[in-house]
Protein backbone atom coordinates (compact mmCIF):
# COMPACT_ATOMS: atom_id res chain seq x y z
CA MET A 1 63.66 -7.83 -73.45
CA ALA A 2 61.55 -4.94 -72.23
CA LYS A 3 58.19 -4.32 -73.87
CA GLU A 4 58.00 -1.62 -76.50
CA THR A 5 56.35 1.46 -75.06
CA ASN A 6 54.50 4.39 -76.57
CA LYS A 7 55.31 7.94 -75.56
CA ILE A 8 52.48 9.91 -73.98
CA ASP A 9 52.36 13.69 -73.95
CA MET A 10 52.03 14.80 -70.33
CA THR A 11 50.45 18.06 -71.52
CA LYS A 12 47.26 16.38 -72.71
CA PRO A 13 44.46 17.92 -70.66
CA LEU A 14 42.70 14.64 -69.90
CA ALA A 15 45.83 12.76 -68.81
CA GLY A 16 45.94 11.85 -65.15
CA TYR A 17 48.04 9.46 -63.12
CA THR A 18 47.70 7.59 -59.85
CA LEU A 19 49.70 8.26 -56.67
CA PRO A 20 52.19 5.39 -57.25
CA VAL A 21 53.31 7.08 -60.49
CA PHE A 22 54.21 10.33 -58.72
CA ALA A 23 55.87 8.42 -55.87
CA CYS A 24 57.98 6.60 -58.44
CA ALA A 25 58.97 9.83 -60.20
CA SER A 26 59.99 11.38 -56.87
CA ALA A 27 62.17 8.35 -56.11
CA ILE A 28 63.81 8.39 -59.56
CA THR A 29 64.80 12.05 -59.32
CA ALA A 30 66.16 11.59 -55.78
CA LEU A 31 68.26 8.61 -56.91
CA GLN A 32 69.63 10.42 -59.96
CA HIS A 33 70.49 13.43 -57.83
CA LEU A 34 72.54 11.20 -55.52
CA GLN A 35 74.30 9.43 -58.37
CA ASN A 36 75.28 12.38 -60.57
CA ASN A 37 73.99 15.55 -58.91
CA GLN A 38 71.31 15.77 -61.56
CA ASN A 39 68.52 18.35 -61.03
CA ASN A 40 65.68 17.05 -63.19
CA GLU A 41 62.75 19.18 -64.23
CA ILE A 42 61.01 16.04 -65.53
CA VAL A 43 61.62 12.29 -65.35
CA SER A 44 60.41 9.51 -67.62
CA LEU A 45 59.05 6.23 -66.33
CA ASN A 46 57.27 3.16 -67.61
CA LEU A 47 53.74 2.71 -66.23
CA ILE A 48 53.92 -1.07 -66.87
CA GLU A 49 50.11 -1.11 -66.71
CA PRO A 50 49.55 0.08 -69.39
CA ALA A 51 52.93 -0.39 -71.11
CA GLU A 52 53.48 3.29 -71.78
CA THR A 53 56.26 5.74 -70.98
CA VAL A 54 55.21 9.06 -69.46
CA THR A 55 57.04 12.17 -68.32
CA ILE A 56 56.30 13.58 -64.87
CA PRO A 57 57.25 17.12 -63.74
CA ILE A 58 59.55 17.37 -60.72
CA GLN A 59 58.75 19.96 -58.07
CA GLN A 60 61.98 19.83 -56.04
CA VAL A 61 65.00 17.66 -55.38
CA ALA A 62 67.79 18.07 -52.82
CA LYS A 63 70.42 16.13 -50.88
CA ILE A 64 69.86 15.59 -47.18
CA ASN A 65 73.40 14.28 -46.80
CA ASN A 66 75.97 12.55 -49.03
CA ASN A 67 73.95 9.38 -49.48
CA VAL A 68 70.37 10.53 -48.86
CA ALA A 69 68.23 12.73 -51.14
CA LEU A 70 64.63 13.94 -51.25
CA GLY A 71 62.53 14.20 -54.41
CA ILE A 72 59.11 15.87 -54.56
CA THR A 73 56.32 15.72 -57.15
CA ILE A 74 52.77 17.05 -57.09
CA SER A 75 49.83 14.72 -57.72
CA ASP A 76 47.78 15.41 -60.86
CA PRO A 77 44.86 12.99 -61.47
CA GLY A 78 43.89 14.85 -64.66
CA ASN A 79 40.24 15.67 -65.15
CA ASN A 80 39.10 13.10 -62.59
CA LEU A 81 37.67 14.14 -59.24
CA ASP A 82 40.24 13.15 -56.65
CA LEU A 83 41.01 14.51 -53.20
CA THR A 84 44.74 13.96 -53.78
CA ARG A 85 44.88 16.63 -56.50
CA ASN A 86 47.91 18.93 -55.93
CA THR A 87 49.11 16.76 -53.02
CA PRO A 88 52.91 16.71 -52.59
CA ILE A 89 54.48 13.25 -52.80
CA TRP A 90 57.93 12.90 -51.26
CA ALA A 91 60.44 10.11 -51.76
CA ILE A 92 63.54 9.89 -49.57
CA VAL A 93 66.18 7.66 -51.16
CA GLU A 94 69.16 6.32 -49.24
CA LEU A 95 71.91 4.94 -51.49
CA ARG A 96 74.33 2.34 -50.16
CA GLU A 97 77.30 0.50 -51.60
CA ASN A 98 77.07 -3.21 -50.93
CA SER A 99 79.97 -5.50 -51.83
CA ASP A 100 77.93 -8.63 -51.13
CA LYS A 101 75.59 -8.94 -54.13
CA ASN A 102 73.75 -11.84 -52.52
CA GLU A 103 72.79 -9.89 -49.42
CA GLN A 104 69.12 -8.78 -49.29
CA GLU A 105 67.23 -7.26 -52.20
CA GLN A 106 68.53 -4.17 -53.93
CA ILE A 107 65.43 -2.03 -53.43
CA LEU A 108 63.60 -1.74 -50.10
CA ILE A 109 60.38 0.29 -50.12
CA LYS A 110 58.92 1.74 -46.92
CA GLY A 111 56.02 3.96 -45.95
CA GLY A 112 56.70 7.12 -43.99
CA GLU A 113 54.45 9.89 -42.66
CA GLY A 114 51.01 9.93 -44.27
CA ILE A 115 51.18 6.40 -45.69
CA GLY A 116 48.48 4.32 -44.02
CA LYS A 117 48.89 1.13 -42.02
CA GLN A 118 46.90 -2.05 -42.73
CA ILE A 119 45.36 -3.02 -39.40
CA ASN A 120 44.19 -6.36 -40.81
CA ASN A 121 47.68 -7.15 -42.10
CA ASN A 122 50.00 -6.71 -39.10
CA ASN A 123 50.09 -2.92 -39.56
CA GLN A 124 52.07 -3.24 -42.79
CA ASP A 125 52.51 -0.10 -44.88
CA ALA A 126 49.60 0.44 -47.26
CA ILE A 127 51.83 0.20 -50.33
CA TYR A 128 50.25 -2.38 -52.60
CA SER A 129 51.56 -4.63 -55.35
CA TYR A 130 51.27 -2.29 -58.33
CA ALA A 131 53.09 0.53 -56.53
CA THR A 132 55.85 -1.84 -55.41
CA LYS A 133 56.22 -3.32 -58.89
CA LEU A 134 56.28 0.14 -60.51
CA LEU A 135 58.96 1.48 -58.17
CA LYS A 136 61.23 -1.55 -58.44
CA TYR A 137 60.90 -1.85 -62.23
CA ASN A 138 61.77 1.78 -62.87
CA LEU A 139 64.48 2.22 -60.22
CA GLN A 140 66.32 -1.02 -61.00
CA GLN A 141 67.67 0.26 -64.32
CA TYR A 142 69.60 3.06 -62.58
CA LEU A 143 71.35 0.83 -60.04
CA LYS A 144 74.77 -0.75 -60.32
CA PRO A 145 74.97 -4.38 -59.16
CA THR A 146 76.71 -3.27 -55.96
CA GLU A 147 74.22 -0.51 -55.09
CA THR A 148 71.20 -0.89 -52.83
CA ILE A 149 68.60 1.73 -51.95
CA ILE A 150 66.02 2.29 -49.26
CA VAL A 151 63.04 4.27 -50.58
CA THR A 152 60.70 5.91 -48.06
CA ILE A 153 57.47 7.36 -49.48
CA ILE A 154 55.94 10.26 -47.55
CA LEU A 155 52.58 11.98 -48.03
CA PRO A 156 52.78 15.09 -45.81
CA GLU A 157 49.02 15.66 -46.14
CA GLY A 158 48.13 11.96 -45.99
CA LYS A 159 46.73 11.82 -42.46
CA LYS A 160 44.59 14.90 -43.01
CA LEU A 161 43.24 13.67 -46.35
CA ALA A 162 42.56 10.18 -44.99
CA LYS A 163 39.94 11.63 -42.65
CA ARG A 164 37.90 12.57 -45.71
CA THR A 165 37.87 8.98 -47.00
CA SER A 166 36.46 5.68 -45.80
CA ASN A 167 39.94 4.12 -45.60
CA GLU A 168 39.32 3.05 -42.02
CA ALA A 169 36.37 0.96 -43.20
CA PHE A 170 38.83 -1.00 -45.30
CA GLY A 171 41.34 -1.48 -42.52
CA VAL A 172 43.75 1.35 -43.38
CA ILE A 173 44.51 3.89 -40.67
CA GLU A 174 46.76 6.94 -40.19
CA GLY A 175 47.06 7.81 -43.86
CA LEU A 176 46.39 7.07 -47.51
CA SER A 177 47.17 3.99 -49.57
CA LEU A 178 49.42 3.62 -52.59
CA LEU A 179 47.09 1.29 -54.43
CA GLY A 180 45.59 0.66 -57.83
CA THR A 181 46.33 -1.69 -60.68
CA SER A 182 47.20 0.93 -63.28
CA GLY A 183 49.16 4.12 -63.62
CA ILE A 184 46.29 5.87 -65.37
CA SER A 185 43.86 7.64 -63.04
CA GLN A 186 40.45 6.16 -63.70
CA PRO A 187 37.31 8.31 -63.97
CA LEU A 188 35.22 8.54 -60.81
CA SER A 189 32.15 7.12 -62.55
CA SER A 190 33.40 4.44 -64.90
CA PRO A 191 30.48 3.12 -66.99
CA GLU A 192 32.42 -0.09 -67.57
CA GLN A 193 32.55 -0.78 -63.83
CA LEU A 194 28.82 -0.15 -63.41
CA ASN A 195 28.00 -2.32 -66.43
CA SER A 196 30.06 -5.15 -64.96
CA TYR A 197 28.23 -4.95 -61.61
CA GLN A 198 24.83 -4.77 -63.33
CA GLN A 199 25.63 -7.81 -65.46
CA GLU A 200 26.62 -9.79 -62.37
CA LEU A 201 23.42 -8.71 -60.63
CA LYS A 202 21.25 -9.80 -63.58
CA GLU A 203 22.88 -13.23 -63.60
CA LYS A 204 22.33 -13.71 -59.87
CA ALA A 205 18.74 -12.48 -60.15
CA LYS A 206 18.03 -15.60 -62.22
CA GLN A 207 19.02 -17.76 -59.23
CA PHE A 208 18.00 -15.84 -56.11
CA GLU A 209 15.09 -13.74 -54.85
CA THR A 210 17.22 -12.13 -52.12
CA LEU A 211 20.62 -10.49 -52.60
CA VAL A 212 23.11 -8.85 -50.24
CA PHE A 213 24.65 -5.55 -51.35
CA CYS A 214 28.16 -4.98 -49.96
CA LEU A 215 29.84 -1.64 -50.55
CA GLY A 216 33.41 -2.89 -50.29
CA GLU A 217 35.76 -5.79 -49.69
CA ASN A 218 35.40 -5.63 -45.90
CA GLY A 219 31.64 -6.02 -46.19
CA LEU A 220 32.04 -8.96 -48.58
CA ASP A 221 34.51 -10.65 -46.26
CA LEU A 222 32.40 -10.06 -43.14
CA ALA A 223 29.21 -11.28 -44.82
CA LYS A 224 30.94 -14.51 -45.85
CA LYS A 225 32.26 -15.05 -42.32
CA MET A 226 28.71 -14.64 -41.00
CA GLY A 227 27.69 -17.59 -43.16
CA ILE A 228 25.90 -15.81 -46.02
CA ASN A 229 26.10 -17.65 -49.34
CA PRO A 230 28.85 -15.90 -51.37
CA GLN A 231 26.74 -16.40 -54.52
CA GLN A 232 24.15 -13.99 -53.10
CA LEU A 233 26.65 -11.20 -52.49
CA ILE A 234 26.94 -8.22 -54.83
CA LYS A 235 29.75 -5.68 -54.56
CA THR A 236 28.33 -2.23 -55.28
CA ALA A 237 31.24 0.15 -54.59
CA ASN A 238 29.68 3.62 -54.84
CA TRP A 239 27.01 2.54 -57.37
CA LEU A 240 24.23 1.80 -54.88
CA GLY A 241 21.56 3.89 -56.60
CA PRO A 242 21.76 2.40 -60.12
CA LEU A 243 22.16 -1.12 -58.74
CA LEU A 244 19.09 -0.80 -56.49
CA VAL A 245 17.07 0.23 -59.53
CA THR A 246 18.52 -2.64 -61.57
CA ALA A 247 17.59 -5.09 -58.81
CA ALA A 248 14.01 -3.86 -58.80
CA THR A 249 13.86 -4.08 -62.60
CA GLU A 250 15.04 -7.69 -62.32
CA LYS A 251 12.28 -8.37 -59.74
CA ILE A 252 14.56 -9.06 -56.76
CA ASN A 253 12.18 -9.37 -53.80
CA ALA A 254 14.58 -8.43 -50.99
CA ILE A 255 17.94 -6.73 -50.52
CA LEU A 256 20.11 -6.72 -47.41
CA LEU A 257 22.38 -3.65 -47.38
CA PHE A 258 25.64 -4.51 -45.65
CA GLY A 259 28.30 -1.87 -45.12
CA TYR A 260 30.49 0.43 -43.10
CA HIS A 261 28.38 2.91 -41.13
CA GLY A 262 30.36 5.85 -42.52
CA LYS A 263 29.13 4.93 -46.01
CA LEU A 264 25.64 3.53 -45.48
CA ILE A 265 24.65 6.46 -43.27
CA LYS A 266 24.46 8.56 -46.45
CA LEU A 267 21.38 6.60 -47.53
CA ALA A 268 19.58 7.88 -44.45
CA GLY A 269 20.09 11.35 -45.94
CA GLY A 270 18.85 10.36 -49.39
CA ILE A 271 22.36 10.17 -50.92
CA PHE A 272 22.54 7.15 -53.22
CA HIS A 273 25.89 7.69 -54.90
CA THR A 274 28.20 7.31 -51.93
CA HIS A 275 31.50 8.71 -53.24
CA HIS A 276 32.65 11.57 -50.99
CA HIS A 277 33.32 13.85 -53.97
CA LEU A 278 29.67 13.88 -55.00
CA ALA A 279 27.97 14.33 -51.64
CA ASP A 280 28.77 14.09 -47.97
CA GLY A 281 26.70 15.27 -45.01
CA ARG A 282 27.46 12.20 -42.89
CA LEU A 283 28.00 14.05 -39.63
CA GLU A 284 24.95 16.21 -40.29
CA ILE A 285 22.88 13.03 -40.74
CA LEU A 286 24.30 11.58 -37.52
CA VAL A 287 23.50 14.78 -35.62
CA SER A 288 19.97 14.95 -37.07
CA HIS A 289 19.25 11.52 -35.61
CA GLY A 290 20.71 12.74 -32.32
CA VAL A 291 18.15 15.54 -32.42
CA LYS A 292 15.47 12.99 -33.23
CA ILE A 293 16.14 10.96 -30.08
CA GLY A 294 16.46 14.08 -27.91
CA LEU A 295 20.20 14.40 -27.26
CA ASP A 296 21.31 17.45 -25.29
CA ASN A 297 22.65 20.39 -27.29
CA ALA A 298 26.07 20.02 -25.67
CA ILE A 299 26.41 16.43 -27.01
CA LEU A 300 25.07 17.46 -30.42
CA GLN A 301 27.73 20.16 -30.63
CA GLN A 302 30.45 17.64 -29.74
CA LEU A 303 29.20 15.39 -32.54
CA LEU A 304 29.30 18.27 -35.00
CA ASP A 305 32.88 18.99 -33.97
CA CYS A 306 33.96 15.42 -34.88
CA GLU A 307 35.91 15.02 -38.12
CA THR A 308 34.49 11.61 -39.08
CA THR A 309 31.45 9.45 -38.35
CA GLU A 310 33.79 6.89 -36.77
CA GLU A 311 34.94 9.57 -34.35
CA GLY A 312 31.28 10.40 -33.70
CA LEU A 313 30.52 6.75 -32.98
CA GLN A 314 33.39 6.50 -30.50
CA LEU A 315 32.22 9.70 -28.80
CA LEU A 316 28.72 8.29 -28.38
CA LYS A 317 30.08 5.04 -26.94
CA LYS A 318 32.26 7.01 -24.50
CA ILE A 319 29.29 9.12 -23.34
CA ASP A 320 27.17 5.96 -22.93
CA ALA A 321 29.87 4.37 -20.76
CA GLU A 322 30.27 7.48 -18.61
CA THR A 323 26.55 8.24 -18.17
CA ASN A 324 25.08 4.72 -18.29
CA ASN A 325 22.96 5.64 -21.33
CA ASN A 326 22.27 3.90 -24.63
CA PHE A 327 22.45 6.85 -27.02
CA THR A 328 24.50 4.87 -29.54
CA GLU A 329 21.87 2.15 -29.80
CA LYS A 330 19.00 4.63 -30.10
CA ILE A 331 20.68 6.75 -32.77
CA TYR A 332 21.77 3.80 -34.90
CA GLN A 333 18.35 2.15 -34.60
CA SER A 334 16.92 5.36 -35.98
CA ILE A 335 19.54 5.48 -38.74
CA VAL A 336 19.05 1.91 -40.02
CA LYS A 337 15.27 2.30 -39.92
CA THR A 338 15.60 5.45 -42.03
CA ILE A 339 18.03 3.75 -44.42
CA ASP A 340 15.46 1.00 -45.08
CA LYS A 341 12.63 3.46 -45.59
CA ARG A 342 14.49 5.91 -47.83
CA THR A 343 15.94 3.11 -49.94
CA GLN A 344 12.46 1.74 -50.63
CA LEU A 345 11.22 5.22 -51.56
CA TYR A 346 14.24 5.70 -53.84
CA ILE A 347 13.49 2.48 -55.73
CA ARG A 348 9.80 3.34 -56.08
CA LYS A 349 10.74 6.62 -57.76
CA TYR A 350 12.12 4.67 -60.70
CA VAL A 351 10.45 1.25 -60.73
CA ASP A 352 6.89 0.25 -59.91
CA PHE A 353 7.99 -2.71 -57.81
CA ASP A 354 8.26 -3.17 -54.04
CA VAL A 355 11.55 -4.48 -52.69
CA SER A 356 11.95 -5.45 -49.04
CA ILE A 357 15.01 -3.60 -47.69
CA GLY A 358 17.03 -4.40 -44.57
CA SER A 359 20.36 -3.01 -43.43
CA ILE A 360 23.37 -3.94 -41.31
CA VAL A 361 26.06 -1.40 -40.41
CA PHE A 362 29.47 -2.19 -38.93
CA GLY A 363 32.31 -0.11 -37.49
CA ARG A 364 36.01 0.22 -38.18
CA ASP A 365 36.74 -2.79 -36.00
CA ARG A 366 34.35 -4.81 -38.22
CA THR A 367 31.87 -5.47 -35.44
CA ILE A 368 28.18 -4.99 -36.12
CA ILE A 369 26.82 -1.71 -34.73
CA MET A 370 23.15 -2.17 -35.63
CA THR A 371 20.81 -4.29 -37.71
CA SER A 372 17.38 -3.03 -38.75
CA GLU A 373 14.26 -5.08 -38.03
CA THR A 374 13.93 -6.12 -41.66
CA GLY A 375 17.67 -6.72 -41.71
CA LYS A 376 17.31 -9.24 -38.86
CA LYS A 377 14.59 -11.12 -40.75
CA LEU A 378 16.63 -11.23 -43.96
CA GLN A 379 19.76 -12.27 -42.09
CA HIS A 380 17.85 -15.14 -40.47
CA GLN A 381 16.55 -16.26 -43.88
CA LEU A 382 19.99 -16.05 -45.46
CA ILE A 383 21.87 -17.87 -42.71
CA GLY A 384 19.12 -20.10 -41.39
């Protein structure tokens, strides 16, 4: 028996939902249009997590041919800062009659244009478990036993928006992910998340004098593979500033910052909450260090024209290879040195305690780009 669900009023001003919810609504309206020529203005669906039924407005729905239809919704994360606000989410549904009930599963979900690929997972579509569960749960009830559907999710603006994220640092390229564990869009700065990280840090501070701050899962995984004790790793997400201060308050003697260069570079510019909605300036920081080492104006302009720091890194490597220079090394040496220095100054603003700071930055391919001098010392101590 299905769980009882509570109705939610979609008109509440604070209500906001994640991309999988809108993808699911688009698929439902496309399927219903194929089955009975229905033109829905809204559809209802069960979020599963939490167990609530919500209504989602439909932007458009139309048949492509007799057994294929397209449904479109518009993303609304509510009052939360989110770059996907007002993004169109398409679902193309192909309906087939299948006399053999035992043949393949009834619902096949695929990623189309704008859905990212997981480079660390055989280039599979970046449609994660909650999105898959949500789609199958809500679509299943409309299908006859002999019907099967192929659902293709498309984010027309996905590739463009992905360039404004650090998806590539987490192994997702060419688009956005349909991820999350809930249908409710979570606030950008969730106090509960920060409190959880701080509590973990305080517990580990009782055992260790040195900790390793990793911004994301890729950093955690890479640090473990390098031989660093997992018990000394702290995931920070975008909460670097508050967690650095907490570490100093707990008298942690040394911190190794370990992260994707497109995130950690912000610290070199004095930005200690690393979410892209709050502050950016990454390319400007990269270019300023190019000025510092004396790069030609023509190269500096090319860097400024890049859309991401990863693109800037690849440009520098290409120029090094063509001109037999080491601009990449010089710039990133300057960056990690500045990260260490500015992080120490940031901590001293809030706590009268000196913390030794080192940093390691890696690229999209998860290879180390540069390690600061203090970072090398801390790495040696941590690995032995």
